[in-house]
Amino acid sequence: MGDLDSSHVTLVDGSVLESGGQILRNAVSIAVITKRPIEVCNIRAGRQNPGLRWLFLLLVDFVPRSQHAAALELASRVCCGHLSSCAVGSTEIRLIPGQISPGSYEADAKTAGSVSLMLQAVAPVLAFASNQSELLLRGGTDTLFAPPINYMIEVTYKNTKTKVCQLIMLMALAKGNSEIRCGPLTLHTKTAIYVAEHLLGVSYLIVLHINYVKLAFNTYFVDEYVFINAINSCTVLKHNSGYSN
């Protein structure tokens, strides 16, 4: 795809771990922020219908559009980038980012595709713009397999105001060592870690904190215990210098 020398493009395998749209959104966000050309292959390989998702509207009219394609095109416009092979059903895309430009942007999934997932792809990018921006996103606000819009308002937005949103990405971009304490790692968090390590060359160390629960009691002269363990929290550490732009 394209004329860019393949040695300058970082290849991301979309079939790794969660194998869905999350790895695509993470990869595009980091690529735009760091101006790193990427090619994502095997997009949504773990899904029943691989590739950039398509939807039926009212189960009658086929609409060749998706929140994945809309989010990619929006991210490309925000950075004045060059996007290749962004078509519904495509299993690979290439993005050559440019300079992030603040402004007013619109995106339309043309279906009930999740606006929350579209926002996940572009909000981290606009956080690195030189000025404020405005987004008008059209699509579904409460859809399956995506955060409802109320979650984005009450949780994501409030966390963003306190500077604790997208921590894995921010740890990768920051200079020096970083450390956070969190709950058990979800598959989405592991995906974010994989993308950050793959694209930016940083390394994470995961320390598991395990609770031991006593199930038995003392018998005769020996204290007999049966323990089960449960991971109730983790510490995520980034040890190297991180990406510097």
C-alpha atoms as a PDB file:
ATOM      1  CA  MET A   1       0.000   0.000   0.000  1.00  0.00           C
ATOM      2  CA  GLY A   2       1.283   3.445  -0.916  1.00  0.00           C
ATOM      3  CA  ASP A   3       4.698   4.633  -2.022  1.00  0.00           C
ATOM      4  CA  LEU A   4       6.280   5.125   1.397  1.00  0.00           C
ATOM      5  CA  ASP A   5       9.354   2.990   2.010  1.00  0.00           C
ATOM      6  CA  SER A   6       8.130   0.035   4.109  1.00  0.00           C
ATOM      7  CA  SER A   7      11.223   0.333   6.339  1.00  0.00           C
ATOM      8  CA  HIS A   8       9.779   3.591   7.709  1.00  0.00           C
ATOM      9  CA  VAL A   9       6.375   2.079   8.514  1.00  0.00           C
ATOM     10  CA  THR A  10       5.678   0.247  11.779  1.00  0.00           C
ATOM     11  CA  LEU A  11       3.533  -2.851  11.264  1.00  0.00           C
ATOM     12  CA  VAL A  12       0.915  -3.632  13.919  1.00  0.00           C
ATOM     13  CA  ASP A  13      -0.777  -7.038  13.984  1.00  0.00           C
ATOM     14  CA  GLY A  14      -4.471  -6.478  14.712  1.00  0.00           C
ATOM     15  CA  SER A  15      -5.026 -10.136  15.628  1.00  0.00           C
ATOM     16  CA  VAL A  16      -3.052  -9.883  18.889  1.00  0.00           C
ATOM     17  CA  LEU A  17      -4.793 -10.222  22.291  1.00  0.00           C
ATOM     18  CA  GLU A  18      -8.230  -8.583  22.187  1.00  0.00           C
ATOM     19  CA  SER A  19      -8.135  -8.869  18.393  1.00  0.00           C
ATOM     20  CA  GLY A  20     -10.857  -6.271  17.906  1.00  0.00           C
ATOM     21  CA  GLY A  21     -11.199  -2.549  17.331  1.00  0.00           C
ATOM     22  CA  GLN A  22      -9.319  -1.522  20.486  1.00  0.00           C
ATOM     23  CA  ILE A  23      -5.897  -2.299  19.065  1.00  0.00           C
ATOM     24  CA  LEU A  24      -6.775  -0.237  15.977  1.00  0.00           C
ATOM     25  CA  ARG A  25      -7.852   2.795  18.041  1.00  0.00           C
ATOM     26  CA  ASN A  26      -4.787   2.620  20.299  1.00  0.00           C
ATOM     27  CA  ALA A  27      -2.390   2.246  17.374  1.00  0.00           C
ATOM     28  CA  VAL A  28      -3.873   5.150  15.424  1.00  0.00           C
ATOM     29  CA  SER A  29      -3.870   7.467  18.461  1.00  0.00           C
ATOM     30  CA  ILE A  30      -0.218   6.783  19.274  1.00  0.00           C
ATOM     31  CA  ALA A  31       0.811   6.988  15.618  1.00  0.00           C
ATOM     32  CA  VAL A  32      -0.795  10.417  15.184  1.00  0.00           C
ATOM     33  CA  ILE A  33       0.584  11.813  18.450  1.00  0.00           C
ATOM     34  CA  THR A  34       4.118  10.647  17.631  1.00  0.00           C
ATOM     35  CA  LYS A  35       3.905  11.244  13.843  1.00  0.00           C
ATOM     36  CA  ARG A  36       4.840   7.619  13.236  1.00  0.00           C
ATOM     37  CA  PRO A  37       3.621   5.983   9.987  1.00  0.00           C
ATOM     38  CA  ILE A  38       1.832   2.716  10.699  1.00  0.00           C
ATOM     39  CA  GLU A  39       0.224  -0.157   8.910  1.00  0.00           C
ATOM     40  CA  VAL A  40      -2.335  -2.231  10.805  1.00  0.00           C
ATOM     41  CA  CYS A  41      -3.015  -5.682   9.369  1.00  0.00           C
ATOM     42  CA  ASN A  42      -5.406  -8.487  10.364  1.00  0.00           C
ATOM     43  CA  ILE A  43      -7.920  -5.914  11.609  1.00  0.00           C
ATOM     44  CA  ARG A  44     -10.565  -7.463  13.878  1.00  0.00           C
ATOM     45  CA  ALA A  45      -9.291 -10.910  12.920  1.00  0.00           C
ATOM     46  CA  GLY A  46     -10.894 -12.448  16.000  1.00  0.00           C
ATOM     47  CA  ARG A  47     -14.413 -11.295  15.102  1.00  0.00           C
ATOM     48  CA  GLN A  48     -17.115 -13.134  13.220  1.00  0.00           C
ATOM     49  CA  ASN A  49     -16.903 -10.567  10.417  1.00  0.00           C
ATOM     50  CA  PRO A  50     -13.228  -9.462  10.256  1.00  0.00           C
ATOM     51  CA  GLY A  51     -12.118  -6.103   8.939  1.00  0.00           C
ATOM     52  CA  LEU A  52     -13.581  -2.646   9.354  1.00  0.00           C
ATOM     53  CA  ARG A  53     -17.078  -3.401  10.525  1.00  0.00           C
ATOM     54  CA  TRP A  54     -20.175  -2.955   8.354  1.00  0.00           C
ATOM     55  CA  LEU A  55     -23.754  -2.632   9.569  1.00  0.00           C
ATOM     56  CA  PHE A  56     -27.265  -3.076   8.251  1.00  0.00           C
ATOM     57  CA  LEU A  57     -29.676  -0.221   8.763  1.00  0.00           C
ATOM     58  CA  LEU A  58     -33.205  -1.328   9.720  1.00  0.00           C
ATOM     59  CA  LEU A  59     -32.205  -4.812   8.522  1.00  0.00           C
ATOM     60  CA  VAL A  60     -33.084  -3.714   4.983  1.00  0.00           C
ATOM     61  CA  ASP A  61     -30.713  -1.179   3.487  1.00  0.00           C
ATOM     62  CA  PHE A  62     -27.015  -1.946   3.508  1.00  0.00           C
ATOM     63  CA  VAL A  63     -24.963   1.060   4.542  1.00  0.00           C
ATOM     64  CA  PRO A  64     -21.230   0.747   3.670  1.00  0.00           C
ATOM     65  CA  ARG A  65     -20.042   2.616   6.730  1.00  0.00           C
ATOM     66  CA  SER A  66     -18.791   1.916  10.252  1.00  0.00           C
ATOM     67  CA  GLN A  67     -17.593   3.652  13.372  1.00  0.00           C
ATOM     68  CA  HIS A  68     -14.134   2.187  12.679  1.00  0.00           C
ATOM     69  CA  ALA A  69     -13.867   3.796   9.241  1.00  0.00           C
ATOM     70  CA  ALA A  70     -15.387   7.059  10.483  1.00  0.00           C
ATOM     71  CA  ALA A  71     -12.942   7.222  13.422  1.00  0.00           C
ATOM     72  CA  LEU A  72      -9.939   6.507  11.177  1.00  0.00           C
ATOM     73  CA  GLU A  73     -10.933   9.174   8.670  1.00  0.00           C
ATOM     74  CA  LEU A  74     -11.508  11.665  11.485  1.00  0.00           C
ATOM     75  CA  ALA A  75      -8.083  10.969  13.033  1.00  0.00           C
ATOM     76  CA  SER A  76      -6.485  11.366   9.611  1.00  0.00           C
ATOM     77  CA  ARG A  77      -8.198  14.733   9.044  1.00  0.00           C
ATOM     78  CA  VAL A  78      -7.202  15.977  12.491  1.00  0.00           C
ATOM     79  CA  CYS A  79      -3.528  15.392  11.667  1.00  0.00           C
ATOM     80  CA  CYS A  80      -3.697  16.239   7.946  1.00  0.00           C
ATOM     81  CA  GLY A  81      -2.519  12.689   7.319  1.00  0.00           C
ATOM     82  CA  HIS A  82      -2.665  10.278   4.403  1.00  0.00           C
ATOM     83  CA  LEU A  83      -4.936   7.253   4.992  1.00  0.00           C
ATOM     84  CA  SER A  84      -4.985   4.234   2.672  1.00  0.00           C
ATOM     85  CA  SER A  85      -7.391   1.294   2.318  1.00  0.00           C
ATOM     86  CA  CYS A  86      -9.937   2.669   4.788  1.00  0.00           C
ATOM     87  CA  ALA A  87     -12.978   0.877   3.387  1.00  0.00           C
ATOM     88  CA  VAL A  88     -15.649  -1.198   5.087  1.00  0.00           C
ATOM     89  CA  GLY A  89     -14.476  -4.799   5.243  1.00  0.00           C
ATOM     90  CA  SER A  90     -10.800  -3.916   4.796  1.00  0.00           C
ATOM     91  CA  THR A  91      -8.456  -5.982   6.981  1.00  0.00           C
ATOM     92  CA  GLU A  92      -5.519  -3.588   6.712  1.00  0.00           C
ATOM     93  CA  ILE A  93      -4.966   0.168   6.677  1.00  0.00           C
ATOM     94  CA  ARG A  94      -1.971   2.475   6.412  1.00  0.00           C
ATOM     95  CA  LEU A  95      -1.738   5.917   7.990  1.00  0.00           C
ATOM     96  CA  ILE A  96       0.994   8.503   7.430  1.00  0.00           C
ATOM     97  CA  PRO A  97       0.299  11.215  10.050  1.00  0.00           C
ATOM     98  CA  GLY A  98       1.009  14.912   9.691  1.00  0.00           C
ATOM     99  CA  GLN A  99       0.727  17.811  12.125  1.00  0.00           C
ATOM    100  CA  ILE A 100      -2.160  17.752  14.610  1.00  0.00           C
ATOM    101  CA  SER A 101      -4.411  20.733  13.918  1.00  0.00           C
ATOM    102  CA  PRO A 102      -7.049  21.986  16.371  1.00  0.00           C
ATOM    103  CA  GLY A 103     -10.412  23.001  14.947  1.00  0.00           C
ATOM    104  CA  SER A 104     -14.020  21.943  14.454  1.00  0.00           C
ATOM    105  CA  TYR A 105     -14.496  18.436  13.084  1.00  0.00           C
ATOM    106  CA  GLU A 106     -17.444  16.235  12.191  1.00  0.00           C
ATOM    107  CA  ALA A 107     -17.752  12.478  11.730  1.00  0.00           C
ATOM    108  CA  ASP A 108     -20.776  10.366  10.856  1.00  0.00           C
ATOM    109  CA  ALA A 109     -20.954   6.583  11.182  1.00  0.00           C
ATOM    110  CA  LYS A 110     -24.078   6.646   8.945  1.00  0.00           C
ATOM    111  CA  THR A 111     -25.417   3.876  11.200  1.00  0.00           C
ATOM    112  CA  ALA A 112     -25.812   3.227  14.915  1.00  0.00           C
ATOM    113  CA  GLY A 113     -22.039   2.787  15.170  1.00  0.00           C
ATOM    114  CA  SER A 114     -20.795   3.909  18.580  1.00  0.00           C
ATOM    115  CA  VAL A 115     -19.826   7.567  18.973  1.00  0.00           C
ATOM    116  CA  SER A 116     -18.016   6.553  22.190  1.00  0.00           C
ATOM    117  CA  LEU A 117     -15.614   4.344  20.251  1.00  0.00           C
ATOM    118  CA  MET A 118     -15.085   7.087  17.694  1.00  0.00           C
ATOM    119  CA  LEU A 119     -14.294   9.450  20.557  1.00  0.00           C
ATOM    120  CA  GLN A 120     -11.797   6.975  22.036  1.00  0.00           C
ATOM    121  CA  ALA A 121      -9.726   7.138  18.860  1.00  0.00           C
ATOM    122  CA  VAL A 122      -9.547  10.909  18.445  1.00  0.00           C
ATOM    123  CA  ALA A 123      -9.850  12.425  21.955  1.00  0.00           C
ATOM    124  CA  PRO A 124      -6.263  11.472  22.988  1.00  0.00           C
ATOM    125  CA  VAL A 125      -5.000  13.024  19.749  1.00  0.00           C
ATOM    126  CA  LEU A 126      -6.782  16.339  20.265  1.00  0.00           C
ATOM    127  CA  ALA A 127      -5.418  16.489  23.817  1.00  0.00           C
ATOM    128  CA  PHE A 128      -2.013  17.103  22.184  1.00  0.00           C
ATOM    129  CA  ALA A 129      -3.273  19.873  19.880  1.00  0.00           C
ATOM    130  CA  SER A 130      -2.064  23.425  20.378  1.00  0.00           C
ATOM    131  CA  ASN A 131      -5.548  24.749  21.075  1.00  0.00           C
ATOM    132  CA  GLN A 132      -9.094  23.649  21.864  1.00  0.00           C
ATOM    133  CA  SER A 133     -11.174  21.698  19.359  1.00  0.00           C
ATOM    134  CA  GLU A 134     -14.837  20.903  18.821  1.00  0.00           C
ATOM    135  CA  LEU A 135     -16.249  17.546  17.700  1.00  0.00           C
ATOM    136  CA  LEU A 136     -19.647  16.749  16.221  1.00  0.00           C
ATOM    137  CA  LEU A 137     -20.088  12.973  16.086  1.00  0.00           C
ATOM    138  CA  ARG A 138     -23.153  11.234  14.667  1.00  0.00           C
ATOM    139  CA  GLY A 139     -23.992   7.638  15.500  1.00  0.00           C
ATOM    140  CA  GLY A 140     -25.256   5.478  18.344  1.00  0.00           C
ATOM    141  CA  THR A 141     -24.961   6.723  21.926  1.00  0.00           C
ATOM    142  CA  ASP A 142     -25.808   3.467  23.742  1.00  0.00           C
ATOM    143  CA  THR A 143     -24.745   0.460  21.698  1.00  0.00           C
ATOM    144  CA  LEU A 144     -23.665  -3.107  22.304  1.00  0.00           C
ATOM    145  CA  PHE A 145     -20.002  -3.799  23.123  1.00  0.00           C
ATOM    146  CA  ALA A 146     -19.174  -0.098  23.651  1.00  0.00           C
ATOM    147  CA  PRO A 147     -19.288   2.360  26.574  1.00  0.00           C
ATOM    148  CA  PRO A 148     -22.612   4.244  26.687  1.00  0.00           C
ATOM    149  CA  ILE A 149     -22.405   7.987  26.285  1.00  0.00           C
ATOM    150  CA  ASN A 150     -23.308   8.515  29.961  1.00  0.00           C
ATOM    151  CA  TYR A 151     -20.193   6.546  30.928  1.00  0.00           C
ATOM    152  CA  MET A 152     -18.081   8.780  28.703  1.00  0.00           C
ATOM    153  CA  ILE A 153     -19.584  11.871  30.365  1.00  0.00           C
ATOM    154  CA  GLU A 154     -19.650  10.725  33.989  1.00  0.00           C
ATOM    155  CA  VAL A 155     -16.448   8.644  34.070  1.00  0.00           C
ATOM    156  CA  THR A 156     -14.134   9.310  31.124  1.00  0.00           C
ATOM    157  CA  TYR A 157     -14.695  13.066  30.949  1.00  0.00           C
ATOM    158  CA  LYS A 158     -14.330  13.551  34.703  1.00  0.00           C
ATOM    159  CA  ASN A 159     -11.166  11.437  34.740  1.00  0.00           C
ATOM    160  CA  THR A 160      -9.771  13.474  31.864  1.00  0.00           C
ATOM    161  CA  LYS A 161     -10.310  16.679  33.860  1.00  0.00           C
ATOM    162  CA  THR A 162      -8.137  15.222  36.649  1.00  0.00           C
ATOM    163  CA  LYS A 163      -5.439  14.093  34.190  1.00  0.00           C
ATOM    164  CA  VAL A 164      -5.854  10.346  34.822  1.00  0.00           C
ATOM    165  CA  CYS A 165      -7.244   9.287  31.447  1.00  0.00           C
ATOM    166  CA  GLN A 166      -5.326   7.061  29.016  1.00  0.00           C
ATOM    167  CA  LEU A 167      -2.627   6.359  31.618  1.00  0.00           C
ATOM    168  CA  ILE A 168      -0.883   3.593  29.688  1.00  0.00           C
ATOM    169  CA  MET A 169      -0.425   5.924  26.720  1.00  0.00           C
ATOM    170  CA  LEU A 170       0.699   8.847  28.870  1.00  0.00           C
ATOM    171  CA  MET A 171       3.201   6.636  30.718  1.00  0.00           C
ATOM    172  CA  ALA A 172       4.681   5.610  27.376  1.00  0.00           C
ATOM    173  CA  LEU A 173       4.983   9.216  26.202  1.00  0.00           C
ATOM    174  CA  ALA A 174       6.422  10.584  29.463  1.00  0.00           C
ATOM    175  CA  LYS A 175      10.138  10.861  30.169  1.00  0.00           C
ATOM    176  CA  GLY A 176      11.608   8.887  33.064  1.00  0.00           C
ATOM    177  CA  ASN A 177      10.092   6.063  35.085  1.00  0.00           C
ATOM    178  CA  SER A 178       6.371   5.768  35.768  1.00  0.00           C
ATOM    179  CA  GLU A 179       4.312   3.636  38.148  1.00  0.00           C
ATOM    180  CA  ILE A 180       0.589   3.195  38.800  1.00  0.00           C
ATOM    181  CA  ARG A 181      -1.454   0.897  41.053  1.00  0.00           C
ATOM    182  CA  CYS A 182      -4.648  -0.466  39.532  1.00  0.00           C
ATOM    183  CA  GLY A 183      -7.064  -3.372  39.626  1.00  0.00           C
ATOM    184  CA  PRO A 184      -6.600  -6.623  37.691  1.00  0.00           C
ATOM    185  CA  LEU A 185      -5.571  -5.925  34.108  1.00  0.00           C
ATOM    186  CA  THR A 186      -8.346  -6.197  31.569  1.00  0.00           C
ATOM    187  CA  LEU A 187      -7.792  -7.445  28.044  1.00  0.00           C
ATOM    188  CA  HIS A 188      -8.190  -3.883  26.775  1.00  0.00           C
ATOM    189  CA  THR A 189      -5.445  -2.662  29.142  1.00  0.00           C
ATOM    190  CA  LYS A 190      -3.139  -5.452  28.005  1.00  0.00           C
ATOM    191  CA  THR A 191      -3.859  -4.410  24.416  1.00  0.00           C
ATOM    192  CA  ALA A 192      -2.906  -0.798  25.180  1.00  0.00           C
ATOM    193  CA  ILE A 193       0.348  -2.001  26.768  1.00  0.00           C
ATOM    194  CA  TYR A 194       1.145  -4.158  23.732  1.00  0.00           C
ATOM    195  CA  VAL A 195       0.569  -1.291  21.304  1.00  0.00           C
ATOM    196  CA  ALA A 196       2.640   1.172  23.363  1.00  0.00           C
ATOM    197  CA  GLU A 197       5.548  -1.277  23.649  1.00  0.00           C
ATOM    198  CA  HIS A 198       5.383  -2.180  19.967  1.00  0.00           C
ATOM    199  CA  LEU A 199       5.161   1.355  18.588  1.00  0.00           C
ATOM    200  CA  LEU A 200       7.264   3.314  21.061  1.00  0.00           C
ATOM    201  CA  GLY A 201       9.875   0.820  22.247  1.00  0.00           C
ATOM    202  CA  VAL A 202       9.004   1.255  25.930  1.00  0.00           C
ATOM    203  CA  SER A 203       8.858  -1.646  28.393  1.00  0.00           C
ATOM    204  CA  TYR A 204       6.334  -2.342  31.116  1.00  0.00           C
ATOM    205  CA  LEU A 205       6.660  -4.588  34.153  1.00  0.00           C
ATOM    206  CA  ILE A 206       3.475  -5.917  35.751  1.00  0.00           C
ATOM    207  CA  VAL A 207       3.592  -6.772  39.459  1.00  0.00           C
ATOM    208  CA  LEU A 208       0.649  -8.840  40.685  1.00  0.00           C
ATOM    209  CA  HIS A 209      -0.616  -8.335  44.229  1.00  0.00           C
ATOM    210  CA  ILE A 210      -2.213 -11.529  45.534  1.00  0.00           C
ATOM    211  CA  ASN A 211      -4.491 -11.990  48.526  1.00  0.00           C
ATOM    212  CA  TYR A 212      -4.278 -15.320  50.346  1.00  0.00           C
ATOM    213  CA  VAL A 213      -7.469 -16.558  51.971  1.00  0.00           C
ATOM    214  CA  LYS A 214      -7.391 -19.042  54.888  1.00  0.00           C
ATOM    215  CA  LEU A 215      -9.951 -21.802  54.382  1.00  0.00           C
ATOM    216  CA  ALA A 216      -9.094 -24.489  56.997  1.00  0.00           C
ATOM    217  CA  PHE A 217      -8.532 -24.537  60.772  1.00  0.00           C
ATOM    218  CA  ASN A 218      -6.026 -25.892  63.316  1.00  0.00           C
ATOM    219  CA  THR A 219      -6.020 -29.666  63.892  1.00  0.00           C
ATOM    220  CA  TYR A 220      -4.039 -31.403  66.656  1.00  0.00           C
ATOM    221  CA  PHE A 221      -0.532 -29.959  66.916  1.00  0.00           C
ATOM    222  CA  VAL A 222      -0.190 -28.677  63.371  1.00  0.00           C
ATOM    223  CA  ASP A 223      -1.637 -25.516  61.909  1.00  0.00           C
ATOM    224  CA  GLU A 224      -3.217 -26.765  58.717  1.00  0.00           C
ATOM    225  CA  TYR A 225      -4.147 -24.148  56.157  1.00  0.00           C
ATOM    226  CA  VAL A 226      -5.583 -24.351  52.707  1.00  0.00           C
ATOM    227  CA  PHE A 227      -4.896 -21.198  50.752  1.00  0.00           C
ATOM    228  CA  ILE A 228      -6.457 -19.918  47.603  1.00  0.00           C
ATOM    229  CA  ASN A 229      -5.017 -16.902  45.862  1.00  0.00           C
ATOM    230  CA  ALA A 230      -6.775 -14.129  44.036  1.00  0.00           C
ATOM    231  CA  ILE A 231      -5.200 -11.269  42.132  1.00  0.00           C
ATOM    232  CA  ASN A 232      -6.937  -8.184  43.468  1.00  0.00           C
ATOM    233  CA  SER A 233      -4.594  -5.486  42.163  1.00  0.00           C
ATOM    234  CA  CYS A 234      -1.537  -4.808  40.015  1.00  0.00           C
ATOM    235  CA  THR A 235       1.288  -2.322  39.808  1.00  0.00           C
ATOM    236  CA  VAL A 236       2.278  -1.277  36.286  1.00  0.00           C
ATOM    237  CA  LEU A 237       5.825   0.046  36.017  1.00  0.00           C
ATOM    238  CA  LYS A 238       7.584   1.619  33.046  1.00  0.00           C
ATOM    239  CA  HIS A 239      11.342   1.467  33.591  1.00  0.00           C
ATOM    240  CA  ASN A 240      12.975   3.125  30.609  1.00  0.00           C
ATOM    241  CA  SER A 241      13.134   6.716  29.436  1.00  0.00           C
ATOM    242  CA  GLY A 242       9.993   6.651  27.306  1.00  0.00           C
ATOM    243  CA  TYR A 243       9.240   8.318  24.019  1.00  0.00           C
ATOM    244  CA  SER A 244      10.408  11.903  23.601  1.00  0.00           C
ATOM    245  CA  ASN A 245       8.892  14.137  20.906  1.00  0.00           C
END
